[in-house]
Amino acid sequence: MMKTLITLFTLLMLPLTASAGVDEERQEVKEMRKKILTRLYKEEPSTKAKIAKAAGYATFSNIGVNVIFFSAGGGSGVVHNNSSGADTYMSMATAGIGIGLGVKDFNAVFIFKTKDAMNTFIEHGWDFSGQADVAAKSGKKGAEGSTAATVVKGVEIYQMTENGLALQATLQGTKYWKDDDLN
């Protein structure tokens, strides 16, 4: 089972469209953003006003694997500056320690309350967080329960599980960085 999880994770971490051009990749990220925001607004209607008033926001799609004492994941996303309308395309990777087992495909939305918080995220991109969750979900079937805390001041984070089966409690570090190919 562990070998299957590692193989699945490796395949999912490969570029989804190795031959796709930059414009196509940007468009895929924008479509992902639209889908994530639509779901967030449906599940948490108050976030629409929060995002409108914020300095900016980010959406990320991530796949994570937890095998007993180690967790790892990766994904991509985009930060949108509400003042200028500019998008900054980003990548992410996570690693952590804790107890758990499973694979989880999830989306995250970051709401940057201040311009400084947004710029710091874009330029430095680190987050260290504690996380505990239970997820058993496939598409619209199943349930999830999660909580996440962040040490990034001026940022509010919403996390939604798309698909997966996971039971975990981890401390993990996440690195976000500008995607040089898409910016």
C-alpha atoms as a PDB file:
ATOM      1  CA  MET A   1       0.000   0.000   0.000  1.00  0.00           C
ATOM      2  CA  MET A   2       2.799   2.430   0.864  1.00  0.00           C
ATOM      3  CA  LYS A   3       4.448   1.800  -2.510  1.00  0.00           C
ATOM      4  CA  THR A   4       1.127   2.512  -4.248  1.00  0.00           C
ATOM      5  CA  LEU A   5       0.713   5.790  -2.334  1.00  0.00           C
ATOM      6  CA  ILE A   6       4.236   6.901  -3.202  1.00  0.00           C
ATOM      7  CA  THR A   7       3.756   6.002  -6.872  1.00  0.00           C
ATOM      8  CA  LEU A   8       0.422   7.859  -6.967  1.00  0.00           C
ATOM      9  CA  PHE A   9       1.970  10.905  -5.322  1.00  0.00           C
ATOM     10  CA  THR A  10       4.908  10.890  -7.767  1.00  0.00           C
ATOM     11  CA  LEU A  11       2.600  10.702 -10.770  1.00  0.00           C
ATOM     12  CA  LEU A  12       0.406  13.495  -9.471  1.00  0.00           C
ATOM     13  CA  MET A  13       3.387  15.733  -8.851  1.00  0.00           C
ATOM     14  CA  LEU A  14       4.534  15.534 -12.470  1.00  0.00           C
ATOM     15  CA  PRO A  15       3.527  18.530 -14.587  1.00  0.00           C
ATOM     16  CA  LEU A  16      -0.026  17.983 -15.734  1.00  0.00           C
ATOM     17  CA  THR A  17       0.657  19.217 -19.229  1.00  0.00           C
ATOM     18  CA  ALA A  18       4.342  18.958 -20.020  1.00  0.00           C
ATOM     19  CA  SER A  19       3.767  20.105 -23.592  1.00  0.00           C
ATOM     20  CA  ALA A  20       1.302  22.877 -22.767  1.00  0.00           C
ATOM     21  CA  GLY A  21       2.420  26.398 -23.406  1.00  0.00           C
ATOM     22  CA  VAL A  22       2.632  29.154 -20.824  1.00  0.00           C
ATOM     23  CA  ASP A  23      -0.694  30.700 -21.878  1.00  0.00           C
ATOM     24  CA  GLU A  24      -2.484  27.350 -21.548  1.00  0.00           C
ATOM     25  CA  GLU A  25      -0.983  26.759 -18.103  1.00  0.00           C
ATOM     26  CA  ARG A  26      -2.008  30.237 -16.939  1.00  0.00           C
ATOM     27  CA  GLN A  27      -5.531  29.618 -18.225  1.00  0.00           C
ATOM     28  CA  GLU A  28      -5.723  26.303 -16.319  1.00  0.00           C
ATOM     29  CA  VAL A  29      -4.706  28.076 -13.102  1.00  0.00           C
ATOM     30  CA  LYS A  30      -7.323  30.797 -13.693  1.00  0.00           C
ATOM     31  CA  GLU A  31     -10.023  28.159 -14.300  1.00  0.00           C
ATOM     32  CA  MET A  32      -8.948  26.399 -11.109  1.00  0.00           C
ATOM     33  CA  ARG A  33      -9.239  29.736  -9.241  1.00  0.00           C
ATOM     34  CA  LYS A  34     -12.770  30.272 -10.549  1.00  0.00           C
ATOM     35  CA  LYS A  35     -13.836  26.774  -9.488  1.00  0.00           C
ATOM     36  CA  ILE A  36     -12.313  27.145  -6.005  1.00  0.00           C
ATOM     37  CA  LEU A  37     -13.908  30.565  -5.417  1.00  0.00           C
ATOM     38  CA  THR A  38     -17.313  29.363  -6.623  1.00  0.00           C
ATOM     39  CA  ARG A  39     -17.203  26.516  -4.119  1.00  0.00           C
ATOM     40  CA  LEU A  40     -15.933  28.755  -1.302  1.00  0.00           C
ATOM     41  CA  TYR A  41     -18.681  31.328  -1.877  1.00  0.00           C
ATOM     42  CA  LYS A  42     -21.294  28.560  -1.836  1.00  0.00           C
ATOM     43  CA  GLU A  43     -19.962  26.998   1.395  1.00  0.00           C
ATOM     44  CA  GLU A  44     -18.918  30.227   3.156  1.00  0.00           C
ATOM     45  CA  PRO A  45     -20.960  33.117   1.640  1.00  0.00           C
ATOM     46  CA  SER A  46     -19.356  35.732   3.922  1.00  0.00           C
ATOM     47  CA  THR A  47     -15.982  35.197   2.227  1.00  0.00           C
ATOM     48  CA  LYS A  48     -17.127  36.992  -0.921  1.00  0.00           C
ATOM     49  CA  ALA A  49     -17.299  40.326   0.943  1.00  0.00           C
ATOM     50  CA  LYS A  50     -14.037  39.588   2.793  1.00  0.00           C
ATOM     51  CA  ILE A  51     -12.219  38.977  -0.493  1.00  0.00           C
ATOM     52  CA  ALA A  52     -13.707  42.101  -2.084  1.00  0.00           C
ATOM     53  CA  LYS A  53     -12.437  44.251   0.825  1.00  0.00           C
ATOM     54  CA  ALA A  54      -9.031  42.550   1.079  1.00  0.00           C
ATOM     55  CA  ALA A  55      -5.735  43.699  -0.405  1.00  0.00           C
ATOM     56  CA  GLY A  56      -5.733  40.471  -2.365  1.00  0.00           C
ATOM     57  CA  TYR A  57      -6.266  36.735  -2.249  1.00  0.00           C
ATOM     58  CA  ALA A  58      -4.692  33.496  -3.421  1.00  0.00           C
ATOM     59  CA  THR A  59      -6.098  30.163  -4.506  1.00  0.00           C
ATOM     60  CA  PHE A  60      -4.098  26.931  -4.450  1.00  0.00           C
ATOM     61  CA  SER A  61      -4.762  23.352  -5.430  1.00  0.00           C
ATOM     62  CA  ASN A  62      -2.674  20.768  -3.590  1.00  0.00           C
ATOM     63  CA  ILE A  63      -2.303  17.012  -3.377  1.00  0.00           C
ATOM     64  CA  GLY A  64      -0.905  15.632  -0.142  1.00  0.00           C
ATOM     65  CA  VAL A  65       0.227  12.205   1.008  1.00  0.00           C
ATOM     66  CA  ASN A  66       0.679  11.117   4.618  1.00  0.00           C
ATOM     67  CA  VAL A  67       2.462   7.827   5.297  1.00  0.00           C
ATOM     68  CA  ILE A  68       2.623   7.029   9.031  1.00  0.00           C
ATOM     69  CA  PHE A  69       5.112   9.644  10.340  1.00  0.00           C
ATOM     70  CA  PHE A  70       5.834  11.716   7.219  1.00  0.00           C
ATOM     71  CA  SER A  71       3.645  13.929   5.052  1.00  0.00           C
ATOM     72  CA  ALA A  72       4.440  15.607   1.736  1.00  0.00           C
ATOM     73  CA  GLY A  73       2.542  17.486  -0.912  1.00  0.00           C
ATOM     74  CA  GLY A  74       2.728  19.949  -3.733  1.00  0.00           C
ATOM     75  CA  GLY A  75       0.615  22.120  -5.940  1.00  0.00           C
ATOM     76  CA  SER A  76       0.155  25.422  -7.699  1.00  0.00           C
ATOM     77  CA  GLY A  77      -1.885  28.581  -7.467  1.00  0.00           C
ATOM     78  CA  VAL A  78      -2.175  32.281  -8.090  1.00  0.00           C
ATOM     79  CA  VAL A  79      -2.157  35.435  -5.955  1.00  0.00           C
ATOM     80  CA  HIS A  80      -4.473  38.218  -7.137  1.00  0.00           C
ATOM     81  CA  ASN A  81      -3.805  41.844  -6.169  1.00  0.00           C
ATOM     82  CA  ASN A  82      -7.211  43.532  -5.817  1.00  0.00           C
ATOM     83  CA  SER A  83      -5.765  47.051  -6.268  1.00  0.00           C
ATOM     84  CA  SER A  84      -3.762  46.510  -9.443  1.00  0.00           C
ATOM     85  CA  GLY A  85      -5.551  43.464 -10.841  1.00  0.00           C
ATOM     86  CA  ALA A  86      -2.162  41.728 -11.260  1.00  0.00           C
ATOM     87  CA  ASP A  87      -1.807  37.969 -10.879  1.00  0.00           C
ATOM     88  CA  THR A  88       1.330  36.282  -9.532  1.00  0.00           C
ATOM     89  CA  TYR A  89       1.543  32.573 -10.360  1.00  0.00           C
ATOM     90  CA  MET A  90       3.044  30.405  -7.637  1.00  0.00           C
ATOM     91  CA  SER A  91       4.070  26.861  -6.776  1.00  0.00           C
ATOM     92  CA  MET A  92       4.058  25.150  -3.402  1.00  0.00           C
ATOM     93  CA  ALA A  93       5.513  22.164  -1.581  1.00  0.00           C
ATOM     94  CA  THR A  94       4.861  20.835   1.906  1.00  0.00           C
ATOM     95  CA  ALA A  95       6.638  18.439   4.237  1.00  0.00           C
ATOM     96  CA  GLY A  96       5.774  17.499   7.763  1.00  0.00           C
ATOM     97  CA  ILE A  97       5.898  15.084  10.627  1.00  0.00           C
ATOM     98  CA  GLY A  98       3.089  13.587  12.607  1.00  0.00           C
ATOM     99  CA  ILE A  99       0.795  10.608  12.693  1.00  0.00           C
ATOM    100  CA  GLY A 100      -1.443   9.753   9.804  1.00  0.00           C
ATOM    101  CA  LEU A 101      -2.198   7.810   6.699  1.00  0.00           C
ATOM    102  CA  GLY A 102      -3.880   8.848   3.483  1.00  0.00           C
ATOM    103  CA  VAL A 103      -3.968  10.857   0.298  1.00  0.00           C
ATOM    104  CA  LYS A 104      -5.874  14.120   0.046  1.00  0.00           C
ATOM    105  CA  ASP A 105      -6.588  16.513  -2.815  1.00  0.00           C
ATOM    106  CA  PHE A 106      -7.516  19.885  -1.392  1.00  0.00           C
ATOM    107  CA  ASN A 107      -7.908  23.534  -2.252  1.00  0.00           C
ATOM    108  CA  ALA A 108      -6.935  26.533  -0.171  1.00  0.00           C
ATOM    109  CA  VAL A 109      -7.911  30.187  -0.307  1.00  0.00           C
ATOM    110  CA  PHE A 110      -5.742  32.819   1.370  1.00  0.00           C
ATOM    111  CA  ILE A 111      -7.303  36.214   2.094  1.00  0.00           C
ATOM    112  CA  PHE A 112      -4.660  38.902   2.564  1.00  0.00           C
ATOM    113  CA  LYS A 113      -6.010  41.591   4.858  1.00  0.00           C
ATOM    114  CA  THR A 114      -3.108  43.963   4.139  1.00  0.00           C
ATOM    115  CA  LYS A 115      -0.879  44.772   1.186  1.00  0.00           C
ATOM    116  CA  ASP A 116       2.178  44.020   3.357  1.00  0.00           C
ATOM    117  CA  ALA A 117       0.873  40.532   4.203  1.00  0.00           C
ATOM    118  CA  MET A 118       0.263  39.831   0.508  1.00  0.00           C
ATOM    119  CA  ASN A 119       3.660  41.140  -0.609  1.00  0.00           C
ATOM    120  CA  THR A 120       5.465  39.226   2.141  1.00  0.00           C
ATOM    121  CA  PHE A 121       3.702  36.057   1.045  1.00  0.00           C
ATOM    122  CA  ILE A 122       4.653  36.597  -2.599  1.00  0.00           C
ATOM    123  CA  GLU A 123       8.277  37.459  -1.834  1.00  0.00           C
ATOM    124  CA  HIS A 124       8.983  35.020   1.031  1.00  0.00           C
ATOM    125  CA  GLY A 125       6.159  32.489   0.927  1.00  0.00           C
ATOM    126  CA  TRP A 126       6.843  30.446   4.068  1.00  0.00           C
ATOM    127  CA  ASP A 127       4.116  29.143   6.337  1.00  0.00           C
ATOM    128  CA  PHE A 128       4.527  26.822   9.310  1.00  0.00           C
ATOM    129  CA  SER A 129       1.294  25.336  10.518  1.00  0.00           C
ATOM    130  CA  GLY A 130      -0.243  22.700  12.712  1.00  0.00           C
ATOM    131  CA  GLN A 131      -3.025  20.722  11.131  1.00  0.00           C
ATOM    132  CA  ALA A 132      -5.477  18.046  12.176  1.00  0.00           C
ATOM    133  CA  ASP A 133      -8.108  16.633   9.909  1.00  0.00           C
ATOM    134  CA  VAL A 134     -10.283  13.765   8.933  1.00  0.00           C
ATOM    135  CA  ALA A 135     -11.422  13.486   5.337  1.00  0.00           C
ATOM    136  CA  ALA A 136     -13.250  10.797   3.422  1.00  0.00           C
ATOM    137  CA  LYS A 137     -14.503  12.357   0.243  1.00  0.00           C
ATOM    138  CA  SER A 138     -14.917  11.582  -3.432  1.00  0.00           C
ATOM    139  CA  GLY A 139     -16.375  14.407  -5.490  1.00  0.00           C
ATOM    140  CA  LYS A 140     -19.634  15.437  -3.776  1.00  0.00           C
ATOM    141  CA  LYS A 141     -19.901  12.260  -1.690  1.00  0.00           C
ATOM    142  CA  GLY A 142     -18.412  11.922   1.752  1.00  0.00           C
ATOM    143  CA  ALA A 143     -17.518  14.288   4.513  1.00  0.00           C
ATOM    144  CA  GLU A 144     -14.619  16.246   5.840  1.00  0.00           C
ATOM    145  CA  GLY A 145     -13.662  18.052   8.975  1.00  0.00           C
ATOM    146  CA  SER A 146     -10.550  20.143   9.182  1.00  0.00           C
ATOM    147  CA  THR A 147      -8.962  22.954  11.016  1.00  0.00           C
ATOM    148  CA  ALA A 148      -5.830  24.824  10.108  1.00  0.00           C
ATOM    149  CA  ALA A 149      -3.884  27.496  11.906  1.00  0.00           C
ATOM    150  CA  THR A 150      -1.242  29.727  10.435  1.00  0.00           C
ATOM    151  CA  VAL A 151       1.443  31.920  11.900  1.00  0.00           C
ATOM    152  CA  VAL A 152       1.232  34.403   9.030  1.00  0.00           C
ATOM    153  CA  LYS A 153      -0.106  37.682  10.407  1.00  0.00           C
ATOM    154  CA  GLY A 154      -2.847  39.393   8.365  1.00  0.00           C
ATOM    155  CA  VAL A 155      -3.854  36.258   6.441  1.00  0.00           C
ATOM    156  CA  GLU A 156      -7.044  34.214   6.739  1.00  0.00           C
ATOM    157  CA  ILE A 157      -7.022  30.711   5.220  1.00  0.00           C
ATOM    158  CA  TYR A 158      -9.883  28.451   4.109  1.00  0.00           C
ATOM    159  CA  GLN A 159      -9.162  24.843   3.188  1.00  0.00           C
ATOM    160  CA  MET A 160     -11.566  22.517   1.344  1.00  0.00           C
ATOM    161  CA  THR A 161     -11.027  18.825   0.604  1.00  0.00           C
ATOM    162  CA  GLU A 162     -11.828  17.819  -2.975  1.00  0.00           C
ATOM    163  CA  ASN A 163     -11.108  14.066  -2.908  1.00  0.00           C
ATOM    164  CA  GLY A 164      -9.258  11.796  -0.585  1.00  0.00           C
ATOM    165  CA  LEU A 165      -9.113   9.596   2.413  1.00  0.00           C
ATOM    166  CA  ALA A 166      -6.978  10.855   5.264  1.00  0.00           C
ATOM    167  CA  LEU A 167      -6.707  10.755   9.010  1.00  0.00           C
ATOM    168  CA  GLN A 168      -3.803  12.846  10.208  1.00  0.00           C
ATOM    169  CA  ALA A 169      -2.371  15.198  12.788  1.00  0.00           C
ATOM    170  CA  THR A 170       0.810  16.869  11.570  1.00  0.00           C
ATOM    171  CA  LEU A 171       3.167  19.776  12.027  1.00  0.00           C
ATOM    172  CA  GLN A 172       4.265  20.869   8.624  1.00  0.00           C
ATOM    173  CA  GLY A 173       6.157  23.508   6.785  1.00  0.00           C
ATOM    174  CA  THR A 174       4.987  24.832   3.471  1.00  0.00           C
ATOM    175  CA  LYS A 175       7.052  26.758   0.973  1.00  0.00           C
ATOM    176  CA  TYR A 176       5.339  28.952  -1.613  1.00  0.00           C
ATOM    177  CA  TRP A 177       7.371  30.544  -4.391  1.00  0.00           C
ATOM    178  CA  LYS A 178       6.880  32.450  -7.629  1.00  0.00           C
ATOM    179  CA  ASP A 179       6.613  30.225 -10.674  1.00  0.00           C
ATOM    180  CA  ASP A 180       9.341  31.614 -12.940  1.00  0.00           C
ATOM    181  CA  ASP A 181       7.860  29.924 -16.003  1.00  0.00           C
ATOM    182  CA  LEU A 182       4.400  31.494 -15.640  1.00  0.00           C
ATOM    183  CA  ASN A 183       5.272  34.999 -14.408  1.00  0.00           C
END
